Amino acid sequence: MSADLACARLDKLVPGQSWVKVEYGGERFWCSVHEAGDGTVTVVVDNDLIGNHGIRRGDRLVIQYGRVLEVADVADMRDYLQCVNACGCGVDGALVWRQQRIGEGRSVEFQGPLIVGNMRVR
């Protein structure tokens, strides 16, 4: 995602209707937006993390805009669900959706180490 596009989308975050992807400890995860403004966004973690970071589903975090990797809105989530339904699997659907977003310039490839279980990959 370009810096200009990211800033434009961050300015349009709608609590309860927007999600942001962040990274912590080498693991990327989605959070629902609860408040946004003044360069930060207050979010709630939407899923359990694989790694042992001390962050759990339902935890509330305050994130600086510069830490946001991706932004999604209700239309994006509809696209995601269509991919999941077409693939018949949540994991495959998520991968297809992500590749579409990369192709459209709304997502970026993650360059850091990736956490899978307790192993670092890459």
C-alpha atoms as a PDB file:
ATOM      1  CA  MET A   1       0.000   0.000   0.000  1.00  0.00           C
ATOM      2  CA  SER A   2       1.449   3.400  -0.890  1.00  0.00           C
ATOM      3  CA  ALA A   3       1.961   5.906   1.914  1.00  0.00           C
ATOM      4  CA  ASP A   4      -0.498   8.325   0.267  1.00  0.00           C
ATOM      5  CA  LEU A   5      -3.161   5.638  -0.115  1.00  0.00           C
ATOM      6  CA  ALA A   6      -2.631   4.455   3.449  1.00  0.00           C
ATOM      7  CA  CYS A   7      -3.020   8.002   4.806  1.00  0.00           C
ATOM      8  CA  ALA A   8      -6.162   8.587   2.732  1.00  0.00           C
ATOM      9  CA  ARG A   9      -7.739   5.371   3.971  1.00  0.00           C
ATOM     10  CA  LEU A  10      -6.716   5.980   7.584  1.00  0.00           C
ATOM     11  CA  ASP A  11      -8.486   9.337   7.471  1.00  0.00           C
ATOM     12  CA  LYS A  12     -11.703   7.503   6.559  1.00  0.00           C
ATOM     13  CA  LEU A  13     -11.714   4.881   9.311  1.00  0.00           C
ATOM     14  CA  VAL A  14     -15.229   4.259  10.634  1.00  0.00           C
ATOM     15  CA  PRO A  15     -15.542   2.664  14.086  1.00  0.00           C
ATOM     16  CA  GLY A  16     -17.375  -0.647  13.792  1.00  0.00           C
ATOM     17  CA  GLN A  17     -17.039  -0.644   9.983  1.00  0.00           C
ATOM     18  CA  SER A  18     -13.271  -0.588   9.451  1.00  0.00           C
ATOM     19  CA  TRP A  19     -10.426  -2.984  10.169  1.00  0.00           C
ATOM     20  CA  VAL A  20      -6.670  -2.493  10.236  1.00  0.00           C
ATOM     21  CA  LYS A  21      -3.899  -5.041   9.927  1.00  0.00           C
ATOM     22  CA  VAL A  22      -0.931  -4.564  12.229  1.00  0.00           C
ATOM     23  CA  GLU A  23       2.241  -6.490  13.019  1.00  0.00           C
ATOM     24  CA  TYR A  24       3.634  -7.405  16.396  1.00  0.00           C
ATOM     25  CA  GLY A  25       6.446  -9.817  17.145  1.00  0.00           C
ATOM     26  CA  GLY A  26       6.643 -10.908  13.497  1.00  0.00           C
ATOM     27  CA  GLU A  27       2.947 -11.824  13.361  1.00  0.00           C
ATOM     28  CA  ARG A  28       0.364  -9.903  11.336  1.00  0.00           C
ATOM     29  CA  PHE A  29      -3.251  -9.743  12.443  1.00  0.00           C
ATOM     30  CA  TRP A  30      -6.509  -7.873  11.849  1.00  0.00           C
ATOM     31  CA  CYS A  31      -8.191  -5.648  14.413  1.00  0.00           C
ATOM     32  CA  SER A  32     -11.566  -3.907  14.357  1.00  0.00           C
ATOM     33  CA  VAL A  33     -11.475  -0.125  14.711  1.00  0.00           C
ATOM     34  CA  HIS A  34     -13.164   1.410  17.749  1.00  0.00           C
ATOM     35  CA  GLU A  35     -11.742   4.962  17.699  1.00  0.00           C
ATOM     36  CA  ALA A  36      -9.490   6.894  15.332  1.00  0.00           C
ATOM     37  CA  GLY A  37      -7.868  10.293  15.380  1.00  0.00           C
ATOM     38  CA  ASP A  38      -4.779  12.325  16.266  1.00  0.00           C
ATOM     39  CA  GLY A  39      -2.467   9.829  14.568  1.00  0.00           C
ATOM     40  CA  THR A  40      -3.628   6.804  16.534  1.00  0.00           C
ATOM     41  CA  VAL A  41      -6.331   4.201  16.216  1.00  0.00           C
ATOM     42  CA  THR A  42      -7.861   2.251  19.101  1.00  0.00           C
ATOM     43  CA  VAL A  43      -8.601  -1.300  18.008  1.00  0.00           C
ATOM     44  CA  VAL A  44      -9.757  -4.653  19.326  1.00  0.00           C
ATOM     45  CA  VAL A  45      -7.856  -7.780  18.233  1.00  0.00           C
ATOM     46  CA  ASP A  46     -10.179  -9.915  16.066  1.00  0.00           C
ATOM     47  CA  ASN A  47      -8.493 -13.300  16.284  1.00  0.00           C
ATOM     48  CA  ASP A  48      -6.253 -15.427  18.463  1.00  0.00           C
ATOM     49  CA  LEU A  49      -2.591 -15.071  17.616  1.00  0.00           C
ATOM     50  CA  ILE A  50      -0.355 -18.020  16.870  1.00  0.00           C
ATOM     51  CA  GLY A  51       2.708 -16.713  18.685  1.00  0.00           C
ATOM     52  CA  ASN A  52       3.068 -16.179  22.405  1.00  0.00           C
ATOM     53  CA  HIS A  53       3.012 -12.358  22.441  1.00  0.00           C
ATOM     54  CA  GLY A  54       0.720 -11.738  25.397  1.00  0.00           C
ATOM     55  CA  ILE A  55      -1.916 -10.350  23.018  1.00  0.00           C
ATOM     56  CA  ARG A  56      -5.239 -12.179  22.840  1.00  0.00           C
ATOM     57  CA  ARG A  57      -8.464 -11.976  20.900  1.00  0.00           C
ATOM     58  CA  GLY A  58     -10.571  -9.184  22.364  1.00  0.00           C
ATOM     59  CA  ASP A  59      -7.616  -7.157  23.684  1.00  0.00           C
ATOM     60  CA  ARG A  60      -7.837  -3.399  23.130  1.00  0.00           C
ATOM     61  CA  LEU A  61      -4.707  -1.768  21.642  1.00  0.00           C
ATOM     62  CA  VAL A  62      -3.762   1.792  20.716  1.00  0.00           C
ATOM     63  CA  ILE A  63      -1.797   1.780  17.448  1.00  0.00           C
ATOM     64  CA  GLN A  64       0.051   4.651  15.764  1.00  0.00           C
ATOM     65  CA  TYR A  65      -1.027   5.186  12.151  1.00  0.00           C
ATOM     66  CA  GLY A  66       2.518   4.406  10.999  1.00  0.00           C
ATOM     67  CA  ARG A  67       2.169   0.842  12.355  1.00  0.00           C
ATOM     68  CA  VAL A  68      -0.879   0.045  10.206  1.00  0.00           C
ATOM     69  CA  LEU A  69      -0.088  -2.342   7.334  1.00  0.00           C
ATOM     70  CA  GLU A  70      -3.512  -2.493   5.679  1.00  0.00           C
ATOM     71  CA  VAL A  71      -6.974  -1.002   5.966  1.00  0.00           C
ATOM     72  CA  ALA A  72     -10.231  -2.766   5.094  1.00  0.00           C
ATOM     73  CA  ASP A  73     -13.828  -1.599   5.074  1.00  0.00           C
ATOM     74  CA  VAL A  74     -17.200  -3.321   4.796  1.00  0.00           C
ATOM     75  CA  ALA A  75     -16.874  -3.708   0.996  1.00  0.00           C
ATOM     76  CA  ASP A  76     -13.455  -5.325   1.453  1.00  0.00           C
ATOM     77  CA  MET A  77     -14.926  -7.779   3.966  1.00  0.00           C
ATOM     78  CA  ARG A  78     -17.680  -8.698   1.492  1.00  0.00           C
ATOM     79  CA  ASP A  79     -14.965  -9.421  -1.100  1.00  0.00           C
ATOM     80  CA  TYR A  80     -13.147 -11.543   1.482  1.00  0.00           C
ATOM     81  CA  LEU A  81     -16.265 -13.598   2.225  1.00  0.00           C
ATOM     82  CA  GLN A  82     -16.844 -14.133  -1.499  1.00  0.00           C
ATOM     83  CA  CYS A  83     -13.288 -15.473  -1.832  1.00  0.00           C
ATOM     84  CA  VAL A  84     -13.806 -17.800   1.138  1.00  0.00           C
ATOM     85  CA  ASN A  85     -17.085 -19.094  -0.313  1.00  0.00           C
ATOM     86  CA  ALA A  86     -15.548 -19.592  -3.771  1.00  0.00           C
ATOM     87  CA  CYS A  87     -12.559 -21.471  -2.354  1.00  0.00           C
ATOM     88  CA  GLY A  88     -14.577 -23.411   0.213  1.00  0.00           C
ATOM     89  CA  CYS A  89     -11.881 -22.803   2.809  1.00  0.00           C
ATOM     90  CA  GLY A  90     -11.080 -19.817   5.023  1.00  0.00           C
ATOM     91  CA  VAL A  91      -7.313 -20.109   4.649  1.00  0.00           C
ATOM     92  CA  ASP A  92      -7.388 -20.453   0.851  1.00  0.00           C
ATOM     93  CA  GLY A  93      -9.980 -17.686   0.571  1.00  0.00           C
ATOM     94  CA  ALA A  94      -7.827 -15.366   2.678  1.00  0.00           C
ATOM     95  CA  LEU A  95      -4.790 -16.048   0.472  1.00  0.00           C
ATOM     96  CA  VAL A  96      -6.765 -15.348  -2.724  1.00  0.00           C
ATOM     97  CA  TRP A  97      -8.238 -12.161  -1.219  1.00  0.00           C
ATOM     98  CA  ARG A  98      -4.809 -10.976  -0.128  1.00  0.00           C
ATOM     99  CA  GLN A  99      -3.313 -11.566  -3.585  1.00  0.00           C
ATOM    100  CA  GLN A 100      -6.177  -9.578  -5.129  1.00  0.00           C
ATOM    101  CA  ARG A 101      -5.483  -6.713  -2.723  1.00  0.00           C
ATOM    102  CA  ILE A 102      -1.750  -6.805  -3.521  1.00  0.00           C
ATOM    103  CA  GLY A 103      -2.578  -6.701  -7.246  1.00  0.00           C
ATOM    104  CA  GLU A 104      -4.833  -3.678  -6.688  1.00  0.00           C
ATOM    105  CA  GLY A 105      -2.191  -1.876  -4.613  1.00  0.00           C
ATOM    106  CA  ARG A 106      -4.276  -2.029  -1.425  1.00  0.00           C
ATOM    107  CA  SER A 107      -1.914  -4.381   0.387  1.00  0.00           C
ATOM    108  CA  VAL A 108       1.813  -4.915   0.558  1.00  0.00           C
ATOM    109  CA  GLU A 109       3.979  -7.980   0.730  1.00  0.00           C
ATOM    110  CA  PHE A 110       5.274  -8.509   4.255  1.00  0.00           C
ATOM    111  CA  GLN A 111       9.072  -8.424   4.297  1.00  0.00           C
ATOM    112  CA  GLY A 112       9.871  -9.340   7.896  1.00  0.00           C
ATOM    113  CA  PRO A 113      10.069 -12.722   9.578  1.00  0.00           C
ATOM    114  CA  LEU A 114       6.806 -14.618   9.726  1.00  0.00           C
ATOM    115  CA  ILE A 115       5.710 -16.536  12.830  1.00  0.00           C
ATOM    116  CA  VAL A 116       4.115 -19.933  12.242  1.00  0.00           C
ATOM    117  CA  GLY A 117       3.376 -21.692  15.489  1.00  0.00           C
ATOM    118  CA  ASN A 118       6.525 -21.231  17.533  1.00  0.00           C
ATOM    119  CA  MET A 119       8.821 -21.126  14.482  1.00  0.00           C
ATOM    120  CA  ARG A 120      10.101 -18.111  12.611  1.00  0.00           C
ATOM    121  CA  VAL A 121       9.869 -18.555   8.840  1.00  0.00           C
ATOM    122  CA  ARG A 122      11.954 -16.378   6.466  1.00  0.00           C
END
